[in-house]
């Protein structure tokens, strides 16, 4: 497990893409899902110890989501109506 975690650049990118997609999908329901997503991200990051930077990014993004929750929801709703 640890050896696999040392060198995986493309899986990290895939993980980031999945994380972004998950956050974008759950933004309207962020109040309900926020704690679950946070715990999930923390568990994943601690299991794969090579993702210290991603753990930092996750904490920062979660803080930003909490502070600007309404603004983010408005942006995503306007994007949904355009398509």
PDB file of N, CA and C in Angstrom:
ATOM      1  N   UNK A   1       0.824  -1.202   0.000  1.00  0.00           N
ATOM      2  CA  UNK A   1       0.000   0.000   0.000  1.00  0.00           C
ATOM      3  C   UNK A   1       0.861   1.256   0.000  1.00  0.00           C
ATOM      4  N   UNK A   2       1.859   1.284   0.898  1.00  0.00           N
ATOM      5  CA  UNK A   2       2.720   2.463   0.990  1.00  0.00           C
ATOM      6  C   UNK A   2       3.546   2.629  -0.275  1.00  0.00           C
ATOM      7  N   UNK A   3       4.017   1.492  -0.846  1.00  0.00           N
ATOM      8  CA  UNK A   3       4.832   1.573  -2.064  1.00  0.00           C
ATOM      9  C   UNK A   3       3.999   2.126  -3.213  1.00  0.00           C
ATOM     10  N   UNK A   4       2.736   1.701  -3.291  1.00  0.00           N
ATOM     11  CA  UNK A   4       1.861   2.208  -4.353  1.00  0.00           C
ATOM     12  C   UNK A   4       1.631   3.702  -4.171  1.00  0.00           C
ATOM     13  N   UNK A   5       1.525   4.153  -2.908  1.00  0.00           N
ATOM     14  CA  UNK A   5       1.234   5.553  -2.639  1.00  0.00           C
ATOM     15  C   UNK A   5       2.381   6.490  -2.958  1.00  0.00           C
ATOM     16  N   UNK A   6       3.602   5.942  -3.127  1.00  0.00           N
ATOM     17  CA  UNK A   6       4.754   6.820  -3.346  1.00  0.00           C
ATOM     18  C   UNK A   6       4.698   7.426  -4.733  1.00  0.00           C
ATOM     19  N   UNK A   7       4.450   6.592  -5.761  1.00  0.00           N
ATOM     20  CA  UNK A   7       4.525   7.098  -7.130  1.00  0.00           C
ATOM     21  C   UNK A   7       3.217   6.819  -7.850  1.00  0.00           C
ATOM     22  N   UNK A   8       2.339   7.812  -7.843  1.00  0.00           N
ATOM     23  CA  UNK A   8       1.081   7.703  -8.594  1.00  0.00           C
ATOM     24  C   UNK A   8       0.624   9.107  -8.943  1.00  0.00           C
ATOM     25  N   UNK A   9       1.091   9.616 -10.049  1.00  0.00           N
ATOM     26  CA  UNK A   9       0.757  10.988 -10.422  1.00  0.00           C
ATOM     27  C   UNK A   9      -0.598  11.044 -11.129  1.00  0.00           C
ATOM     28  N   UNK A  10      -0.850  10.115 -12.055  1.00  0.00           N
ATOM     29  CA  UNK A  10      -2.127  10.129 -12.766  1.00  0.00           C
ATOM     30  C   UNK A  10      -3.301   9.752 -11.862  1.00  0.00           C
ATOM     31  N   UNK A  11      -3.170   8.718 -10.991  1.00  0.00           N
ATOM     32  CA  UNK A  11      -4.270   8.467 -10.046  1.00  0.00           C
ATOM     33  C   UNK A  11      -4.575   9.668  -9.163  1.00  0.00           C
ATOM     34  N   UNK A  12      -3.542  10.455  -8.816  1.00  0.00           N
ATOM     35  CA  UNK A  12      -3.793  11.667  -8.037  1.00  0.00           C
ATOM     36  C   UNK A  12      -4.654  12.643  -8.826  1.00  0.00           C
ATOM     37  N   UNK A  13      -4.356  12.795 -10.126  1.00  0.00           N
ATOM     38  CA  UNK A  13      -5.161  13.695 -10.960  1.00  0.00           C
ATOM     39  C   UNK A  13      -6.601  13.192 -11.057  1.00  0.00           C
ATOM     40  N   UNK A  14      -6.758  11.871 -11.221  1.00  0.00           N
ATOM     41  CA  UNK A  14      -8.103  11.298 -11.286  1.00  0.00           C
ATOM     42  C   UNK A  14      -8.836  11.543  -9.971  1.00  0.00           C
ATOM     43  N   UNK A  15      -8.115  11.379  -8.843  1.00  0.00           N
ATOM     44  CA  UNK A  15      -8.712  11.623  -7.527  1.00  0.00           C
ATOM     45  C   UNK A  15      -9.160  13.068  -7.404  1.00  0.00           C
ATOM     46  N   UNK A  16      -8.334  13.995  -7.896  1.00  0.00           N
ATOM     47  CA  UNK A  16      -8.688  15.415  -7.839  1.00  0.00           C
ATOM     48  C   UNK A  16      -9.928  15.689  -8.683  1.00  0.00           C
ATOM     49  N   UNK A  17      -9.969  15.114  -9.905  1.00  0.00           N
ATOM     50  CA  UNK A  17     -11.130  15.298 -10.774  1.00  0.00           C
ATOM     51  C   UNK A  17     -12.401  14.770 -10.108  1.00  0.00           C
ATOM     52  N   UNK A  18     -12.308  13.556  -9.512  1.00  0.00           N
ATOM     53  CA  UNK A  18     -13.462  12.986  -8.831  1.00  0.00           C
ATOM     54  C   UNK A  18     -13.895  13.876  -7.679  1.00  0.00           C
ATOM     55  N   UNK A  19     -12.916  14.424  -6.947  1.00  0.00           N
ATOM     56  CA  UNK A  19     -13.223  15.297  -5.810  1.00  0.00           C
ATOM     57  C   UNK A  19     -13.955  16.541  -6.283  1.00  0.00           C
ATOM     58  N   UNK A  20     -13.446  17.148  -7.370  1.00  0.00           N
ATOM     59  CA  UNK A  20     -14.087  18.357  -7.897  1.00  0.00           C
ATOM     60  C   UNK A  20     -15.506  18.044  -8.365  1.00  0.00           C
ATOM     61  N   UNK A  21     -15.666  16.919  -9.084  1.00  0.00           N
ATOM     62  CA  UNK A  21     -16.993  16.545  -9.565  1.00  0.00           C
ATOM     63  C   UNK A  21     -17.947  16.278  -8.404  1.00  0.00           C
ATOM     64  N   UNK A  22     -17.440  15.610  -7.353  1.00  0.00           N
ATOM     65  CA  UNK A  22     -18.284  15.320  -6.191  1.00  0.00           C
ATOM     66  C   UNK A  22     -18.724  16.610  -5.514  1.00  0.00           C
ATOM     67  N   UNK A  23     -17.786  17.541  -5.344  1.00  0.00           N
ATOM     68  CA  UNK A  23     -18.129  18.822  -4.716  1.00  0.00           C
ATOM     69  C   UNK A  23     -19.150  19.569  -5.574  1.00  0.00           C
ATOM     70  N   UNK A  24     -18.952  19.573  -6.902  1.00  0.00           N
ATOM     71  CA  UNK A  24     -19.883  20.259  -7.786  1.00  0.00           C
ATOM     72  C   UNK A  24     -21.267  19.632  -7.777  1.00  0.00           C
ATOM     73  N   UNK A  25     -21.308  18.295  -7.661  1.00  0.00           N
ATOM     74  CA  UNK A  25     -22.597  17.610  -7.650  1.00  0.00           C
ATOM     75  C   UNK A  25     -23.353  17.855  -6.350  1.00  0.00           C
ATOM     76  N   UNK A  26     -22.599  17.894  -5.238  1.00  0.00           N
ATOM     77  CA  UNK A  26     -23.247  17.971  -3.930  1.00  0.00           C
ATOM     78  C   UNK A  26     -23.439  19.397  -3.436  1.00  0.00           C
ATOM     79  N   UNK A  27     -23.042  20.409  -4.236  1.00  0.00           N
ATOM     80  CA  UNK A  27     -23.131  21.783  -3.744  1.00  0.00           C
ATOM     81  C   UNK A  27     -24.543  22.185  -3.309  1.00  0.00           C
ATOM     82  N   UNK A  28     -25.614  21.858  -4.057  1.00  0.00           N
ATOM     83  CA  UNK A  28     -26.960  22.226  -3.581  1.00  0.00           C
ATOM     84  C   UNK A  28     -27.315  21.573  -2.251  1.00  0.00           C
ATOM     85  N   UNK A  29     -26.747  20.390  -1.969  1.00  0.00           N
ATOM     86  CA  UNK A  29     -27.066  19.668  -0.739  1.00  0.00           C
ATOM     87  C   UNK A  29     -25.902  19.728   0.248  1.00  0.00           C
ATOM     88  N   UNK A  30     -25.082  20.806   0.136  1.00  0.00           N
ATOM     89  CA  UNK A  30     -23.800  20.834   0.843  1.00  0.00           C
ATOM     90  C   UNK A  30     -23.988  20.780   2.350  1.00  0.00           C
ATOM     91  N   UNK A  31     -25.092  21.337   2.866  1.00  0.00           N
ATOM     92  CA  UNK A  31     -25.295  21.339   4.316  1.00  0.00           C
ATOM     93  C   UNK A  31     -25.457  19.922   4.853  1.00  0.00           C
ATOM     94  N   UNK A  32     -26.127  19.050   4.092  1.00  0.00           N
ATOM     95  CA  UNK A  32     -26.358  17.677   4.529  1.00  0.00           C
ATOM     96  C   UNK A  32     -25.097  16.836   4.333  1.00  0.00           C
ATOM     97  N   UNK A  33     -24.438  17.005   3.186  1.00  0.00           N
ATOM     98  CA  UNK A  33     -23.382  16.088   2.783  1.00  0.00           C
ATOM     99  C   UNK A  33     -22.008  16.543   3.273  1.00  0.00           C
ATOM    100  N   UNK A  34     -21.911  17.811   3.756  1.00  0.00           N
ATOM    101  CA  UNK A  34     -20.598  18.387   4.062  1.00  0.00           C
ATOM    102  C   UNK A  34     -19.818  17.538   5.056  1.00  0.00           C
ATOM    103  N   UNK A  35     -20.465  17.114   6.134  1.00  0.00           N
ATOM    104  CA  UNK A  35     -19.741  16.347   7.147  1.00  0.00           C
ATOM    105  C   UNK A  35     -19.291  14.996   6.588  1.00  0.00           C
ATOM    106  N   UNK A  36     -20.162  14.338   5.832  1.00  0.00           N
ATOM    107  CA  UNK A  36     -19.799  13.048   5.251  1.00  0.00           C
ATOM    108  C   UNK A  36     -18.644  13.165   4.282  1.00  0.00           C
ATOM    109  N   UNK A  37     -18.698  14.170   3.394  1.00  0.00           N
ATOM    110  CA  UNK A  37     -17.618  14.378   2.429  1.00  0.00           C
ATOM    111  C   UNK A  37     -16.322  14.710   3.154  1.00  0.00           C
ATOM    112  N   UNK A  38     -16.407  15.529   4.204  1.00  0.00           N
ATOM    113  CA  UNK A  38     -15.213  15.900   4.954  1.00  0.00           C
ATOM    114  C   UNK A  38     -14.563  14.672   5.571  1.00  0.00           C
ATOM    115  N   UNK A  39     -15.362  13.843   6.234  1.00  0.00           N
ATOM    116  CA  UNK A  39     -14.826  12.628   6.857  1.00  0.00           C
ATOM    117  C   UNK A  39     -14.226  11.714   5.804  1.00  0.00           C
ATOM    118  N   UNK A  40     -14.925  11.563   4.661  1.00  0.00           N
ATOM    119  CA  UNK A  40     -14.445  10.709   3.580  1.00  0.00           C
ATOM    120  C   UNK A  40     -13.098  11.190   3.066  1.00  0.00           C
ATOM    121  N   UNK A  41     -12.981  12.507   2.802  1.00  0.00           N
ATOM    122  CA  UNK A  41     -11.729  13.071   2.296  1.00  0.00           C
ATOM    123  C   UNK A  41     -10.614  12.872   3.311  1.00  0.00           C
ATOM    124  N   UNK A  42     -10.906  13.113   4.581  1.00  0.00           N
ATOM    125  CA  UNK A  42      -9.880  12.960   5.616  1.00  0.00           C
ATOM    126  C   UNK A  42      -9.412  11.515   5.705  1.00  0.00           C
ATOM    127  N   UNK A  43     -10.352  10.563   5.653  1.00  0.00           N
ATOM    128  CA  UNK A  43      -9.978   9.147   5.730  1.00  0.00           C
ATOM    129  C   UNK A  43      -9.115   8.765   4.540  1.00  0.00           C
ATOM    130  N   UNK A  44      -9.543   9.166   3.318  1.00  0.00           N
ATOM    131  CA  UNK A  44      -8.771   8.859   2.117  1.00  0.00           C
ATOM    132  C   UNK A  44      -7.368   9.447   2.222  1.00  0.00           C
ATOM    133  N   UNK A  45      -7.294  10.704   2.665  1.00  0.00           N
ATOM    134  CA  UNK A  45      -5.999  11.377   2.721  1.00  0.00           C
ATOM    135  C   UNK A  45      -5.083  10.733   3.747  1.00  0.00           C
ATOM    136  N   UNK A  46      -5.647  10.276   4.864  1.00  0.00           N
ATOM    137  CA  UNK A  46      -4.808   9.636   5.872  1.00  0.00           C
ATOM    138  C   UNK A  46      -4.419   8.228   5.453  1.00  0.00           C
ATOM    139  N   UNK A  47      -5.285   7.543   4.690  1.00  0.00           N
ATOM    140  CA  UNK A  47      -4.929   6.209   4.195  1.00  0.00           C
ATOM    141  C   UNK A  47      -3.782   6.320   3.202  1.00  0.00           C
ATOM    142  N   UNK A  48      -3.878   7.258   2.271  1.00  0.00           N
ATOM    143  CA  UNK A  48      -2.797   7.481   1.300  1.00  0.00           C
ATOM    144  C   UNK A  48      -1.959   8.640   1.839  1.00  0.00           C
ATOM    145  N   UNK A  49      -0.869   8.322   2.510  1.00  0.00           N
ATOM    146  CA  UNK A  49      -0.112   9.350   3.226  1.00  0.00           C
ATOM    147  C   UNK A  49       0.680  10.259   2.294  1.00  0.00           C
ATOM    148  N   UNK A  50       0.693   9.970   0.995  1.00  0.00           N
ATOM    149  CA  UNK A  50       1.452  10.812   0.068  1.00  0.00           C
ATOM    150  C   UNK A  50       0.664  12.053  -0.346  1.00  0.00           C
ATOM    151  N   UNK A  51      -0.576  12.177   0.137  1.00  0.00           N
ATOM    152  CA  UNK A  51      -1.441  13.267  -0.317  1.00  0.00           C
ATOM    153  C   UNK A  51      -1.540  14.375   0.732  1.00  0.00           C
ATOM    154  N   UNK A  52      -0.384  14.776   1.296  1.00  0.00           N
ATOM    155  CA  UNK A  52      -0.417  15.845   2.304  1.00  0.00           C
ATOM    156  C   UNK A  52      -0.908  17.156   1.691  1.00  0.00           C
ATOM    157  N   UNK A  53      -0.466  17.450   0.458  1.00  0.00           N
ATOM    158  CA  UNK A  53      -0.871  18.688  -0.211  1.00  0.00           C
ATOM    159  C   UNK A  53      -2.376  18.664  -0.473  1.00  0.00           C
ATOM    160  N   UNK A  54      -2.884  17.483  -0.892  1.00  0.00           N
ATOM    161  CA  UNK A  54      -4.310  17.389  -1.167  1.00  0.00           C
ATOM    162  C   UNK A  54      -5.129  17.552   0.110  1.00  0.00           C
ATOM    163  N   UNK A  55      -4.587  17.034   1.239  1.00  0.00           N
ATOM    164  CA  UNK A  55      -5.274  17.219   2.518  1.00  0.00           C
ATOM    165  C   UNK A  55      -5.386  18.696   2.854  1.00  0.00           C
ATOM    166  N   UNK A  56      -4.290  19.433   2.652  1.00  0.00           N
ATOM    167  CA  UNK A  56      -4.304  20.878   2.879  1.00  0.00           C
ATOM    168  C   UNK A  56      -5.332  21.548   1.970  1.00  0.00           C
ATOM    169  N   UNK A  57      -5.305  21.192   0.675  1.00  0.00           N
ATOM    170  CA  UNK A  57      -6.252  21.769  -0.278  1.00  0.00           C
ATOM    171  C   UNK A  57      -7.693  21.471   0.131  1.00  0.00           C
ATOM    172  N   UNK A  58      -7.931  20.236   0.582  1.00  0.00           N
ATOM    173  CA  UNK A  58      -9.287  19.864   0.992  1.00  0.00           C
ATOM    174  C   UNK A  58      -9.750  20.716   2.169  1.00  0.00           C
ATOM    175  N   UNK A  59      -8.868  20.896   3.168  1.00  0.00           N
ATOM    176  CA  UNK A  59      -9.244  21.692   4.339  1.00  0.00           C
ATOM    177  C   UNK A  59      -9.545  23.125   3.926  1.00  0.00           C
ATOM    178  N   UNK A  60      -8.675  23.688   3.063  1.00  0.00           N
ATOM    179  CA  UNK A  60      -8.874  25.071   2.619  1.00  0.00           C
ATOM    180  C   UNK A  60     -10.171  25.195   1.829  1.00  0.00           C
ATOM    181  N   UNK A  61     -10.415  24.246   0.908  1.00  0.00           N
ATOM    182  CA  UNK A  61     -11.624  24.324   0.082  1.00  0.00           C
ATOM    183  C   UNK A  61     -12.881  24.153   0.929  1.00  0.00           C
ATOM    184  N   UNK A  62     -12.821  23.272   1.930  1.00  0.00           N
ATOM    185  CA  UNK A  62     -13.974  23.102   2.813  1.00  0.00           C
ATOM    186  C   UNK A  62     -14.240  24.385   3.585  1.00  0.00           C
ATOM    187  N   UNK A  63     -13.173  25.049   4.053  1.00  0.00           N
ATOM    188  CA  UNK A  63     -13.340  26.324   4.765  1.00  0.00           C
ATOM    189  C   UNK A  63     -13.973  27.369   3.854  1.00  0.00           C
ATOM    190  N   UNK A  64     -13.498  27.430   2.597  1.00  0.00           N
ATOM    191  CA  UNK A  64     -14.049  28.392   1.632  1.00  0.00           C
ATOM    192  C   UNK A  64     -15.520  28.076   1.362  1.00  0.00           C
ATOM    193  N   UNK A  65     -15.843  26.784   1.217  1.00  0.00           N
ATOM    194  CA  UNK A  65     -17.234  26.395   0.957  1.00  0.00           C
ATOM    195  C   UNK A  65     -18.120  26.804   2.126  1.00  0.00           C
ATOM    196  N   UNK A  66     -17.629  26.605   3.357  1.00  0.00           N
ATOM    197  CA  UNK A  66     -18.436  26.968   4.523  1.00  0.00           C
ATOM    198  C   UNK A  66     -18.668  28.472   4.556  1.00  0.00           C
ATOM    199  N   UNK A  67     -17.626  29.267   4.241  1.00  0.00           N
ATOM    200  CA  UNK A  67     -17.757  30.715   4.360  1.00  0.00           C
ATOM    201  C   UNK A  67     -18.590  31.296   3.224  1.00  0.00           C
ATOM    202  N   UNK A  68     -18.435  30.771   2.007  1.00  0.00           N
ATOM    203  CA  UNK A  68     -19.116  31.345   0.842  1.00  0.00           C
ATOM    204  C   UNK A  68     -20.181  30.398   0.302  1.00  0.00           C
ATOM    205  N   UNK A  69     -20.891  29.698   1.194  1.00  0.00           N
ATOM    206  CA  UNK A  69     -21.824  28.659   0.767  1.00  0.00           C
ATOM    207  C   UNK A  69     -22.917  29.215  -0.136  1.00  0.00           C
ATOM    208  N   UNK A  70     -23.515  30.320   0.264  1.00  0.00           N
ATOM    209  CA  UNK A  70     -24.641  30.860  -0.500  1.00  0.00           C
ATOM    210  C   UNK A  70     -24.169  31.351  -1.861  1.00  0.00           C
ATOM    211  N   UNK A  71     -23.010  32.023  -1.901  1.00  0.00           N
ATOM    212  CA  UNK A  71     -22.488  32.521  -3.174  1.00  0.00           C
ATOM    213  C   UNK A  71     -22.219  31.371  -4.136  1.00  0.00           C
ATOM    214  N   UNK A  72     -21.586  30.296  -3.629  1.00  0.00           N
ATOM    215  CA  UNK A  72     -21.297  29.148  -4.476  1.00  0.00           C
ATOM    216  C   UNK A  72     -22.583  28.540  -5.016  1.00  0.00           C
ATOM    217  N   UNK A  73     -23.602  28.412  -4.149  1.00  0.00           N
ATOM    218  CA  UNK A  73     -24.866  27.838  -4.607  1.00  0.00           C
ATOM    219  C   UNK A  73     -25.483  28.702  -5.701  1.00  0.00           C
ATOM    220  N   UNK A  74     -25.437  30.023  -5.547  1.00  0.00           N
ATOM    221  CA  UNK A  74     -26.002  30.898  -6.571  1.00  0.00           C
ATOM    222  C   UNK A  74     -25.260  30.741  -7.891  1.00  0.00           C
ATOM    223  N   UNK A  75     -23.924  30.667  -7.828  1.00  0.00           N
ATOM    224  CA  UNK A  75     -23.141  30.497  -9.060  1.00  0.00           C
ATOM    225  C   UNK A  75     -23.526  29.201  -9.752  1.00  0.00           C
ATOM    226  N   UNK A  76     -23.619  28.096  -8.989  1.00  0.00           N
ATOM    227  CA  UNK A  76     -23.926  26.814  -9.612  1.00  0.00           C
ATOM    228  C   UNK A  76     -25.354  26.790 -10.157  1.00  0.00           C
ATOM    229  N   UNK A  77     -26.302  27.425  -9.476  1.00  0.00           N
ATOM    230  CA  UNK A  77     -27.671  27.438  -9.990  1.00  0.00           C
ATOM    231  C   UNK A  77     -27.751  28.237 -11.286  1.00  0.00           C
ATOM    232  N   UNK A  78     -27.004  29.343 -11.392  1.00  0.00           N
ATOM    233  CA  UNK A  78     -27.029  30.104 -12.637  1.00  0.00           C
ATOM    234  C   UNK A  78     -26.388  29.302 -13.761  1.00  0.00           C
ATOM    235  N   UNK A  79     -25.329  28.549 -13.445  1.00  0.00           N
ATOM    236  CA  UNK A  79     -24.729  27.694 -14.475  1.00  0.00           C
ATOM    237  C   UNK A  79     -25.719  26.644 -14.954  1.00  0.00           C
ATOM    238  N   UNK A  80     -26.483  26.067 -14.020  1.00  0.00           N
ATOM    239  CA  UNK A  80     -27.444  25.034 -14.394  1.00  0.00           C
ATOM    240  C   UNK A  80     -28.520  25.596 -15.313  1.00  0.00           C
ATOM    241  N   UNK A  81     -28.970  26.830 -15.079  1.00  0.00           N
ATOM    242  CA  UNK A  81     -30.041  27.381 -15.899  1.00  0.00           C
ATOM    243  C   UNK A  81     -29.542  27.760 -17.288  1.00  0.00           C
ATOM    244  N   UNK A  82     -28.257  28.063 -17.426  1.00  0.00           N
ATOM    245  CA  UNK A  82     -27.743  28.436 -18.750  1.00  0.00           C
ATOM    246  C   UNK A  82     -27.758  27.258 -19.713  1.00  0.00           C
ATOM    247  N   UNK A  83     -27.458  26.048 -19.210  1.00  0.00           N
ATOM    248  CA  UNK A  83     -27.330  24.905 -20.111  1.00  0.00           C
ATOM    249  C   UNK A  83     -28.670  24.358 -20.562  1.00  0.00           C
TER     250      UNK A  83
END
